[in-house]
PDB file of N, CA and C in Angstrom:
ATOM      1  N   MET A   1       0.842  -1.177   0.000  1.00  0.00           N
ATOM      2  CA  MET A   1       0.000   0.000   0.000  1.00  0.00           C
ATOM      3  C   MET A   1       0.890   1.245   0.000  1.00  0.00           C
ATOM      4  N   ALA A   2       0.539   2.210  -0.811  1.00  0.00           N
ATOM      5  CA  ALA A   2       1.346   3.423  -0.952  1.00  0.00           C
ATOM      6  C   ALA A   2       1.430   4.207   0.354  1.00  0.00           C
ATOM      7  N   GLU A   3       0.319   4.293   1.079  1.00  0.00           N
ATOM      8  CA  GLU A   3       0.329   5.036   2.343  1.00  0.00           C
ATOM      9  C   GLU A   3       1.328   4.434   3.323  1.00  0.00           C
ATOM     10  N   GLN A   4       1.337   3.134   3.427  1.00  0.00           N
ATOM     11  CA  GLN A   4       2.256   2.459   4.347  1.00  0.00           C
ATOM     12  C   GLN A   4       3.702   2.706   3.943  1.00  0.00           C
ATOM     13  N   ALA A   5       3.972   2.712   2.646  1.00  0.00           N
ATOM     14  CA  ALA A   5       5.332   2.968   2.160  1.00  0.00           C
ATOM     15  C   ALA A   5       5.792   4.366   2.552  1.00  0.00           C
ATOM     16  N   VAL A   6       4.897   5.337   2.488  1.00  0.00           N
ATOM     17  CA  VAL A   6       5.239   6.704   2.897  1.00  0.00           C
ATOM     18  C   VAL A   6       5.518   6.739   4.397  1.00  0.00           C
ATOM     19  N   LEU A   7       4.674   6.108   5.185  1.00  0.00           N
ATOM     20  CA  LEU A   7       4.853   6.100   6.641  1.00  0.00           C
ATOM     21  C   LEU A   7       6.169   5.446   7.040  1.00  0.00           C
ATOM     22  N   GLU A   8       6.580   4.436   6.302  1.00  0.00           N
ATOM     23  CA  GLU A   8       7.818   3.725   6.619  1.00  0.00           C
ATOM     24  C   GLU A   8       9.076   4.528   6.291  1.00  0.00           C
ATOM     25  N   GLN A   9       8.939   5.657   5.616  1.00  0.00           N
ATOM     26  CA  GLN A   9      10.099   6.488   5.279  1.00  0.00           C
ATOM     27  C   GLN A   9      10.637   7.242   6.490  1.00  0.00           C
ATOM     28  N   GLY A  10       9.851   7.333   7.554  1.00  0.00           N
ATOM     29  CA  GLY A  10      10.320   7.961   8.781  1.00  0.00           C
ATOM     30  C   GLY A  10      10.270   9.480   8.784  1.00  0.00           C
ATOM     31  N   PHE A  11       9.398  10.071   7.972  1.00  0.00           N
ATOM     32  CA  PHE A  11       9.254  11.525   7.980  1.00  0.00           C
ATOM     33  C   PHE A  11       8.758  11.992   9.350  1.00  0.00           C
ATOM     34  N   ALA A  12       9.165  13.183   9.755  1.00  0.00           N
ATOM     35  CA  ALA A  12       8.744  13.734  11.045  1.00  0.00           C
ATOM     36  C   ALA A  12       7.244  14.007  11.065  1.00  0.00           C
ATOM     37  N   ARG A  13       6.677  14.304   9.899  1.00  0.00           N
ATOM     38  CA  ARG A  13       5.257  14.629   9.811  1.00  0.00           C
ATOM     39  C   ARG A  13       4.721  14.144   8.474  1.00  0.00           C
ATOM     40  N   VAL A  14       3.562  13.487   8.508  1.00  0.00           N
ATOM     41  CA  VAL A  14       2.926  12.982   7.290  1.00  0.00           C
ATOM     42  C   VAL A  14       1.442  13.317   7.339  1.00  0.00           C
ATOM     43  N   SER A  15       0.924  13.847   6.243  1.00  0.00           N
ATOM     44  CA  SER A  15      -0.510  14.093   6.104  1.00  0.00           C
ATOM     45  C   SER A  15      -1.010  13.285   4.917  1.00  0.00           C
ATOM     46  N   ILE A  16      -2.032  12.480   5.157  1.00  0.00           N
ATOM     47  CA  ILE A  16      -2.605  11.653   4.105  1.00  0.00           C
ATOM     48  C   ILE A  16      -4.024  12.135   3.850  1.00  0.00           C
ATOM     49  N   PHE A  17      -4.270  12.560   2.615  1.00  0.00           N
ATOM     50  CA  PHE A  17      -5.572  13.080   2.215  1.00  0.00           C
ATOM     51  C   PHE A  17      -6.314  11.998   1.439  1.00  0.00           C
ATOM     52  N   ARG A  18      -7.563  11.763   1.832  1.00  0.00           N
ATOM     53  CA  ARG A  18      -8.420  10.775   1.167  1.00  0.00           C
ATOM     54  C   ARG A  18      -9.714  11.470   0.737  1.00  0.00           C
ATOM     55  N   PRO A  19      -9.649  12.225  -0.355  1.00  0.00           N
ATOM     56  CA  PRO A  19     -10.778  13.068  -0.714  1.00  0.00           C
ATOM     57  C   PRO A  19     -11.972  12.377  -1.359  1.00  0.00           C
ATOM     58  N   GLY A  20     -11.859  11.189  -1.853  1.00  0.00           N
ATOM     59  CA  GLY A  20     -12.995  10.580  -2.545  1.00  0.00           C
ATOM     60  C   GLY A  20     -13.127  11.140  -3.950  1.00  0.00           C
ATOM     61  N   LEU A  21     -14.355  11.343  -4.404  1.00  0.00           N
ATOM     62  CA  LEU A  21     -14.606  11.811  -5.770  1.00  0.00           C
ATOM     63  C   LEU A  21     -14.160  13.261  -5.927  1.00  0.00           C
ATOM     64  N   LEU A  22     -13.291  13.492  -6.909  1.00  0.00           N
ATOM     65  CA  LEU A  22     -12.778  14.834  -7.171  1.00  0.00           C
ATOM     66  C   LEU A  22     -13.519  15.474  -8.337  1.00  0.00           C
ATOM     67  N   ASP A  23     -13.954  16.706  -8.138  1.00  0.00           N
ATOM     68  CA  ASP A  23     -14.549  17.505  -9.214  1.00  0.00           C
ATOM     69  C   ASP A  23     -13.402  18.227  -9.905  1.00  0.00           C
ATOM     70  N   ARG A  24     -13.105  17.831 -11.142  1.00  0.00           N
ATOM     71  CA  ARG A  24     -11.975  18.405 -11.868  1.00  0.00           C
ATOM     72  C   ARG A  24     -12.400  19.524 -12.814  1.00  0.00           C
ATOM     73  N   GLY A  25     -13.587  20.072 -12.598  1.00  0.00           N
ATOM     74  CA  GLY A  25     -14.042  21.184 -13.424  1.00  0.00           C
ATOM     75  C   GLY A  25     -14.216  20.773 -14.874  1.00  0.00           C
ATOM     76  N   ASP A  26     -13.643  21.552 -15.771  1.00  0.00           N
ATOM     77  CA  ASP A  26     -13.817  21.293 -17.201  1.00  0.00           C
ATOM     78  C   ASP A  26     -13.057  20.056 -17.681  1.00  0.00           C
ATOM     79  N   LYS A  27     -12.242  19.462 -16.841  1.00  0.00           N
ATOM     80  CA  LYS A  27     -11.505  18.244 -17.207  1.00  0.00           C
ATOM     81  C   LYS A  27     -12.255  16.974 -16.795  1.00  0.00           C
ATOM     82  N   THR A  28     -13.438  17.135 -16.228  1.00  0.00           N
ATOM     83  CA  THR A  28     -14.226  15.999 -15.771  1.00  0.00           C
ATOM     84  C   THR A  28     -14.749  15.204 -16.960  1.00  0.00           C
ATOM     85  N   ARG A  29     -14.617  13.882 -16.883  1.00  0.00           N
ATOM     86  CA  ARG A  29     -15.089  12.998 -17.949  1.00  0.00           C
ATOM     87  C   ARG A  29     -16.570  12.678 -17.771  1.00  0.00           C
ATOM     88  N   GLY A  30     -17.179  12.115 -18.805  1.00  0.00           N
ATOM     89  CA  GLY A  30     -18.617  11.851 -18.841  1.00  0.00           C
ATOM     90  C   GLY A  30     -19.165  11.095 -17.651  1.00  0.00           C
ATOM     91  N   VAL A  31     -18.596   9.945 -17.345  1.00  0.00           N
ATOM     92  CA  VAL A  31     -19.087   9.138 -16.223  1.00  0.00           C
ATOM     93  C   VAL A  31     -18.895   9.891 -14.911  1.00  0.00           C
ATOM     94  N   GLU A  32     -17.786  10.622 -14.788  1.00  0.00           N
ATOM     95  CA  GLU A  32     -17.544  11.413 -13.577  1.00  0.00           C
ATOM     96  C   GLU A  32     -18.607  12.493 -13.430  1.00  0.00           C
ATOM     97  N   LYS A  33     -19.004  13.121 -14.544  1.00  0.00           N
ATOM     98  CA  LYS A  33     -20.040  14.165 -14.491  1.00  0.00           C
ATOM     99  C   LYS A  33     -21.342  13.605 -13.943  1.00  0.00           C
ATOM    100  N   MET A  34     -21.690  12.397 -14.374  1.00  0.00           N
ATOM    101  CA  MET A  34     -22.914  11.776 -13.857  1.00  0.00           C
ATOM    102  C   MET A  34     -22.769  11.477 -12.369  1.00  0.00           C
ATOM    103  N   ALA A  35     -21.605  10.997 -11.964  1.00  0.00           N
ATOM    104  CA  ALA A  35     -21.375  10.668 -10.553  1.00  0.00           C
ATOM    105  C   ALA A  35     -21.434  11.915  -9.681  1.00  0.00           C
ATOM    106  N   LEU A  36     -20.972  13.053 -10.213  1.00  0.00           N
ATOM    107  CA  LEU A  36     -20.999  14.297  -9.442  1.00  0.00           C
ATOM    108  C   LEU A  36     -22.425  14.700  -9.075  1.00  0.00           C
ATOM    109  N   CYS A  37     -23.389  14.277  -9.893  1.00  0.00           N
ATOM    110  CA  CYS A  37     -24.788  14.623  -9.623  1.00  0.00           C
ATOM    111  C   CYS A  37     -25.358  13.872  -8.425  1.00  0.00           C
ATOM    112  N   VAL A  38     -24.807  12.702  -8.128  1.00  0.00           N
ATOM    113  CA  VAL A  38     -25.411  11.879  -7.080  1.00  0.00           C
ATOM    114  C   VAL A  38     -24.490  11.577  -5.900  1.00  0.00           C
ATOM    115  N   LEU A  39     -23.182  11.751  -6.072  1.00  0.00           N
ATOM    116  CA  LEU A  39     -22.239  11.409  -5.008  1.00  0.00           C
ATOM    117  C   LEU A  39     -21.616  12.654  -4.388  1.00  0.00           C
ATOM    118  N   SER A  40     -21.192  12.510  -3.160  1.00  0.00           N
ATOM    119  CA  SER A  40     -20.463  13.579  -2.490  1.00  0.00           C
ATOM    120  C   SER A  40     -19.139  13.783  -3.212  1.00  0.00           C
ATOM    121  N   HIS A  41     -18.773  15.038  -3.441  1.00  0.00           N
ATOM    122  CA  HIS A  41     -17.540  15.337  -4.173  1.00  0.00           C
ATOM    123  C   HIS A  41     -16.921  16.627  -3.654  1.00  0.00           C
ATOM    124  N   ILE A  42     -15.670  16.846  -4.028  1.00  0.00           N
ATOM    125  CA  ILE A  42     -14.946  18.041  -3.616  1.00  0.00           C
ATOM    126  C   ILE A  42     -14.122  18.525  -4.800  1.00  0.00           C
ATOM    127  N   ASN A  43     -14.011  19.825  -4.931  1.00  0.00           N
ATOM    128  CA  ASN A  43     -13.243  20.409  -6.026  1.00  0.00           C
ATOM    129  C   ASN A  43     -11.762  20.150  -5.818  1.00  0.00           C
ATOM    130  N   VAL A  44     -11.083  19.748  -6.873  1.00  0.00           N
ATOM    131  CA  VAL A  44      -9.661  19.421  -6.791  1.00  0.00           C
ATOM    132  C   VAL A  44      -8.838  20.630  -6.331  1.00  0.00           C
ATOM    133  N   LYS A  45      -9.251  21.838  -6.703  1.00  0.00           N
ATOM    134  CA  LYS A  45      -8.530  23.046  -6.276  1.00  0.00           C
ATOM    135  C   LYS A  45      -8.679  23.262  -4.772  1.00  0.00           C
ATOM    136  N   ASP A  46      -9.841  22.935  -4.228  1.00  0.00           N
ATOM    137  CA  ASP A  46     -10.032  23.063  -2.779  1.00  0.00           C
ATOM    138  C   ASP A  46      -9.140  22.084  -2.022  1.00  0.00           C
ATOM    139  N   VAL A  47      -8.998  20.870  -2.546  1.00  0.00           N
ATOM    140  CA  VAL A  47      -8.113  19.892  -1.903  1.00  0.00           C
ATOM    141  C   VAL A  47      -6.677  20.404  -1.926  1.00  0.00           C
ATOM    142  N   ALA A  48      -6.259  20.946  -3.058  1.00  0.00           N
ATOM    143  CA  ALA A  48      -4.892  21.478  -3.162  1.00  0.00           C
ATOM    144  C   ALA A  48      -4.676  22.614  -2.170  1.00  0.00           C
ATOM    145  N   ARG A  49      -5.651  23.495  -2.037  1.00  0.00           N
ATOM    146  CA  ARG A  49      -5.522  24.615  -1.090  1.00  0.00           C
ATOM    147  C   ARG A  49      -5.474  24.113   0.350  1.00  0.00           C
ATOM    148  N   LEU A  50      -6.276  23.101   0.667  1.00  0.00           N
ATOM    149  CA  LEU A  50      -6.230  22.532   2.018  1.00  0.00           C
ATOM    150  C   LEU A  50      -4.885  21.869   2.287  1.00  0.00           C
ATOM    151  N   MET A  51      -4.306  21.256   1.273  1.00  0.00           N
ATOM    152  CA  MET A  51      -2.976  20.658   1.434  1.00  0.00           C
ATOM    153  C   MET A  51      -1.933  21.730   1.741  1.00  0.00           C
ATOM    154  N   ILE A  52      -2.043  22.866   1.070  1.00  0.00           N
ATOM    155  CA  ILE A  52      -1.114  23.973   1.331  1.00  0.00           C
ATOM    156  C   ILE A  52      -1.294  24.470   2.760  1.00  0.00           C
ATOM    157  N   LEU A  53      -2.544  24.675   3.172  1.00  0.00           N
ATOM    158  CA  LEU A  53      -2.801  25.155   4.533  1.00  0.00           C
ATOM    159  C   LEU A  53      -2.263  24.175   5.569  1.00  0.00           C
ATOM    160  N   ASP A  54      -2.422  22.899   5.314  1.00  0.00           N
ATOM    161  CA  ASP A  54      -1.893  21.896   6.237  1.00  0.00           C
ATOM    162  C   ASP A  54      -0.367  21.939   6.265  1.00  0.00           C
ATOM    163  N   ALA A  55       0.245  22.106   5.111  1.00  0.00           N
ATOM    164  CA  ALA A  55       1.716  22.095   5.023  1.00  0.00           C
ATOM    165  C   ALA A  55       2.359  23.269   5.749  1.00  0.00           C
ATOM    166  N   ILE A  56       1.678  24.411   5.815  1.00  0.00           N
ATOM    167  CA  ILE A  56       2.283  25.594   6.440  1.00  0.00           C
ATOM    168  C   ILE A  56       1.933  25.718   7.923  1.00  0.00           C
ATOM    169  N   ARG A  57       1.177  24.758   8.455  1.00  0.00           N
ATOM    170  CA  ARG A  57       0.854  24.794   9.889  1.00  0.00           C
ATOM    171  C   ARG A  57       2.098  24.540  10.722  1.00  0.00           C
ATOM    172  N   ASP A  58       2.086  25.078  11.919  1.00  0.00           N
ATOM    173  CA  ASP A  58       3.163  24.845  12.878  1.00  0.00           C
ATOM    174  C   ASP A  58       3.174  23.360  13.236  1.00  0.00           C
ATOM    175  N   PRO A  59       4.251  22.637  12.923  1.00  0.00           N
ATOM    176  CA  PRO A  59       4.266  21.191  13.161  1.00  0.00           C
ATOM    177  C   PRO A  59       4.153  20.803  14.632  1.00  0.00           C
ATOM    178  N   THR A  60       4.435  21.731  15.532  1.00  0.00           N
ATOM    179  CA  THR A  60       4.328  21.405  16.959  1.00  0.00           C
ATOM    180  C   THR A  60       2.882  21.404  17.442  1.00  0.00           C
ATOM    181  N   THR A  61       1.951  21.871  16.609  1.00  0.00           N
ATOM    182  CA  THR A  61       0.549  21.960  17.020  1.00  0.00           C
ATOM    183  C   THR A  61      -0.307  20.824  16.476  1.00  0.00           C
ATOM    184  N   VAL A  62       0.290  19.900  15.717  1.00  0.00           N
ATOM    185  CA  VAL A  62      -0.485  18.814  15.112  1.00  0.00           C
ATOM    186  C   VAL A  62       0.181  17.464  15.381  1.00  0.00           C
ATOM    187  N   GLN A  63      -0.582  16.419  15.179  1.00  0.00           N
ATOM    188  CA  GLN A  63      -0.061  15.060  15.326  1.00  0.00           C
ATOM    189  C   GLN A  63       0.952  14.770  14.217  1.00  0.00           C
ATOM    190  N   PRO A  64       1.934  13.904  14.454  1.00  0.00           N
ATOM    191  CA  PRO A  64       2.927  13.608  13.415  1.00  0.00           C
ATOM    192  C   PRO A  64       2.341  12.882  12.205  1.00  0.00           C
ATOM    193  N   ILE A  65       1.266  12.126  12.408  1.00  0.00           N
ATOM    194  CA  ILE A  65       0.594  11.456  11.291  1.00  0.00           C
ATOM    195  C   ILE A  65      -0.867  11.880  11.310  1.00  0.00           C
ATOM    196  N   MET A  66      -1.310  12.482  10.212  1.00  0.00           N
ATOM    197  CA  MET A  66      -2.681  12.988  10.119  1.00  0.00           C
ATOM    198  C   MET A  66      -3.363  12.367   8.904  1.00  0.00           C
ATOM    199  N   TYR A  67      -4.610  11.944   9.090  1.00  0.00           N
ATOM    200  CA  TYR A  67      -5.435  11.433   8.001  1.00  0.00           C
ATOM    201  C   TYR A  67      -6.599  12.395   7.814  1.00  0.00           C
ATOM    202  N   PHE A  68      -6.880  12.757   6.584  1.00  0.00           N
ATOM    203  CA  PHE A  68      -7.975  13.670   6.275  1.00  0.00           C
ATOM    204  C   PHE A  68      -8.953  12.962   5.351  1.00  0.00           C
ATOM    205  N   GLU A  69     -10.104  12.616   5.889  1.00  0.00           N
ATOM    206  CA  GLU A  69     -11.139  11.913   5.127  1.00  0.00           C
ATOM    207  C   GLU A  69     -12.069  12.927   4.466  1.00  0.00           C
ATOM    208  N   MET A  70     -12.868  12.449   3.533  1.00  0.00           N
ATOM    209  CA  MET A  70     -13.739  13.303   2.732  1.00  0.00           C
ATOM    210  C   MET A  70     -14.652  14.181   3.587  1.00  0.00           C
ATOM    211  N   ASP A  71     -15.307  13.613   4.596  1.00  0.00           N
ATOM    212  CA  ASP A  71     -16.245  14.408   5.391  1.00  0.00           C
ATOM    213  C   ASP A  71     -15.545  15.556   6.108  1.00  0.00           C
ATOM    214  N   GLU A  72     -14.330  15.321   6.602  1.00  0.00           N
ATOM    215  CA  GLU A  72     -13.565  16.390   7.259  1.00  0.00           C
ATOM    216  C   GLU A  72     -13.176  17.475   6.254  1.00  0.00           C
ATOM    217  N   LEU A  73     -12.742  17.056   5.081  1.00  0.00           N
ATOM    218  CA  LEU A  73     -12.338  18.015   4.051  1.00  0.00           C
ATOM    219  C   LEU A  73     -13.503  18.916   3.667  1.00  0.00           C
ATOM    220  N   LEU A  74     -14.681  18.334   3.488  1.00  0.00           N
ATOM    221  CA  LEU A  74     -15.854  19.128   3.120  1.00  0.00           C
ATOM    222  C   LEU A  74     -16.227  20.121   4.219  1.00  0.00           C
ATOM    223  N   LYS A  75     -16.127  19.706   5.482  1.00  0.00           N
ATOM    224  CA  LYS A  75     -16.435  20.610   6.594  1.00  0.00           C
ATOM    225  C   LYS A  75     -15.487  21.801   6.611  1.00  0.00           C
ATOM    226  N   VAL A  76     -14.207  21.546   6.401  1.00  0.00           N
ATOM    227  CA  VAL A  76     -13.229  22.635   6.445  1.00  0.00           C
ATOM    228  C   VAL A  76     -13.404  23.568   5.257  1.00  0.00           C
ATOM    229  N   VAL A  77     -13.707  23.030   4.086  1.00  0.00           N
ATOM    230  CA  VAL A  77     -13.940  23.880   2.912  1.00  0.00           C
ATOM    231  C   VAL A  77     -15.082  24.849   3.200  1.00  0.00           C
ATOM    232  N   LYS A  78     -16.123  24.373   3.879  1.00  0.00           N
ATOM    233  CA  LYS A  78     -17.259  25.242   4.208  1.00  0.00           C
ATOM    234  C   LYS A  78     -16.915  26.232   5.319  1.00  0.00           C
ATOM    235  N   ALA A  79     -16.050  25.829   6.249  1.00  0.00           N
ATOM    236  CA  ALA A  79     -15.748  26.656   7.424  1.00  0.00           C
ATOM    237  C   ALA A  79     -14.669  27.698   7.179  1.00  0.00           C
ATOM    238  N   VAL A  80     -13.798  27.454   6.210  1.00  0.00           N
ATOM    239  CA  VAL A  80     -12.641  28.324   5.989  1.00  0.00           C
ATOM    240  C   VAL A  80     -12.805  29.051   4.667  1.00  0.00           C
ATOM    241  N   ASP A  81     -12.498  30.340   4.680  1.00  0.00           N
ATOM    242  CA  ASP A  81     -12.523  31.117   3.443  1.00  0.00           C
ATOM    243  C   ASP A  81     -11.204  30.872   2.717  1.00  0.00           C
ATOM    244  N   LEU A  82     -11.219  29.927   1.778  1.00  0.00           N
ATOM    245  CA  LEU A  82      -9.991  29.563   1.077  1.00  0.00           C
ATOM    246  C   LEU A  82      -9.565  30.659   0.113  1.00  0.00           C
ATOM    247  N   PRO A  83      -8.270  30.892  -0.026  1.00  0.00           N
ATOM    248  CA  PRO A  83      -7.803  31.863  -1.007  1.00  0.00           C
ATOM    249  C   PRO A  83      -8.203  31.407  -2.404  1.00  0.00           C
ATOM    250  N   PRO A  84      -8.473  32.344  -3.314  1.00  0.00           N
ATOM    251  CA  PRO A  84      -9.004  31.982  -4.622  1.00  0.00           C
ATOM    252  C   PRO A  84      -8.037  31.252  -5.538  1.00  0.00           C
ATOM    253  N   GLY A  85      -6.767  31.344  -5.317  1.00  0.00           N
ATOM    254  CA  GLY A  85      -5.822  30.681  -6.205  1.00  0.00           C
ATOM    255  C   GLY A  85      -4.444  31.259  -6.040  1.00  0.00           C
ATOM    256  N   PRO A  86      -3.584  31.030  -7.025  1.00  0.00           N
ATOM    257  CA  PRO A  86      -2.210  31.517  -6.917  1.00  0.00           C
ATOM    258  C   PRO A  86      -2.159  33.036  -6.792  1.00  0.00           C
ATOM    259  N   SER A  87      -1.225  33.520  -5.986  1.00  0.00           N
ATOM    260  CA  SER A  87      -1.063  34.964  -5.844  1.00  0.00           C
ATOM    261  C   SER A  87      -0.244  35.494  -7.006  1.00  0.00           C
ATOM    262  N   LYS A  88      -0.267  36.796  -7.167  1.00  0.00           N
ATOM    263  CA  LYS A  88       0.536  37.414  -8.216  1.00  0.00           C
ATOM    264  C   LYS A  88       2.007  37.292  -7.853  1.00  0.00           C
ATOM    265  N   LEU A  89       2.839  37.271  -8.848  1.00  0.00           N
ATOM    266  CA  LEU A  89       4.271  37.121  -8.650  1.00  0.00           C
ATOM    267  C   LEU A  89       4.774  38.149  -7.645  1.00  0.00           C
ATOM    268  N   GLY A  90       5.473  37.683  -6.636  1.00  0.00           N
ATOM    269  CA  GLY A  90       6.044  38.573  -5.634  1.00  0.00           C
ATOM    270  C   GLY A  90       5.131  38.858  -4.463  1.00  0.00           C
ATOM    271  N   GLN A  91       3.857  38.468  -4.548  1.00  0.00           N
ATOM    272  CA  GLN A  91       2.925  38.701  -3.445  1.00  0.00           C
ATOM    273  C   GLN A  91       2.802  37.437  -2.604  1.00  0.00           C
ATOM    274  N   GLU A  92       2.812  37.623  -1.320  1.00  0.00           N
ATOM    275  CA  GLU A  92       2.627  36.502  -0.399  1.00  0.00           C
ATOM    276  C   GLU A  92       1.126  36.252  -0.258  1.00  0.00           C
ATOM    277  N   PRO A  93       0.651  35.022  -0.469  1.00  0.00           N
ATOM    278  CA  PRO A  93      -0.775  34.766  -0.311  1.00  0.00           C
ATOM    279  C   PRO A  93      -1.195  34.929   1.145  1.00  0.00           C
ATOM    280  N   ASN A  94      -2.421  35.350   1.351  1.00  0.00           N
ATOM    281  CA  ASN A  94      -2.960  35.522   2.696  1.00  0.00           C
ATOM    282  C   ASN A  94      -3.774  34.281   3.044  1.00  0.00           C
ATOM    283  N   TYR A  95      -3.097  33.257   3.566  1.00  0.00           N
ATOM    284  CA  TYR A  95      -3.774  32.010   3.874  1.00  0.00           C
ATOM    285  C   TYR A  95      -4.421  32.078   5.246  1.00  0.00           C
ATOM    286  N   PRO A  96      -5.674  31.645   5.344  1.00  0.00           N
ATOM    287  CA  PRO A  96      -6.309  31.554   6.657  1.00  0.00           C
ATOM    288  C   PRO A  96      -5.740  30.358   7.407  1.00  0.00           C
ATOM    289  N   SER A  97      -6.002  30.311   8.691  1.00  0.00           N
ATOM    290  CA  SER A  97      -5.544  29.140   9.442  1.00  0.00           C
ATOM    291  C   SER A  97      -6.644  28.087   9.432  1.00  0.00           C
ATOM    292  N   ILE A  98      -6.230  26.851   9.489  1.00  0.00           N
ATOM    293  CA  ILE A  98      -7.175  25.737   9.541  1.00  0.00           C
ATOM    294  C   ILE A  98      -7.661  25.611  10.977  1.00  0.00           C
ATOM    295  N   PRO A  99      -8.942  25.318  11.169  1.00  0.00           N
ATOM    296  CA  PRO A  99      -9.423  25.106  12.533  1.00  0.00           C
ATOM    297  C   PRO A  99      -8.580  24.050  13.245  1.00  0.00           C
ATOM    298  N   PRO A 100      -8.309  24.228  14.536  1.00  0.00           N
ATOM    299  CA  PRO A 100      -7.406  23.329  15.256  1.00  0.00           C
ATOM    300  C   PRO A 100      -7.866  21.879  15.296  1.00  0.00           C
ATOM    301  N   ASN A 101      -9.162  21.629  15.215  1.00  0.00           N
ATOM    302  CA  ASN A 101      -9.641  20.248  15.279  1.00  0.00           C
ATOM    303  C   ASN A 101      -9.563  19.533  13.940  1.00  0.00           C
ATOM    304  N   PHE A 102      -9.059  20.188  12.924  1.00  0.00           N
ATOM    305  CA  PHE A 102      -8.909  19.573  11.599  1.00  0.00           C
ATOM    306  C   PHE A 102      -7.612  18.822  11.549  1.00  0.00           C
TER     307      PHE A 102
END
């Protein structure tokens, strides 16, 4: 299993994201479009932004191994005002903090 292989590398901190069905916007294929109508899904850009927010957190405030399941990801997307996308060259993005229980 890929997750186990990562854990065995001995990194000081590991975050494993398990988002489920990803909404890829205009890159979504036909069957995926139908699934988006009936299944819980999350935008791929939101997952990427949550990964960035997790990566910049103070490592002393979180567990060394963190798992993020779909339901948690959806809650945080609704609770946090995510930045809209990449900042302009030379500008530091204004990232919000992730709720501590995430």
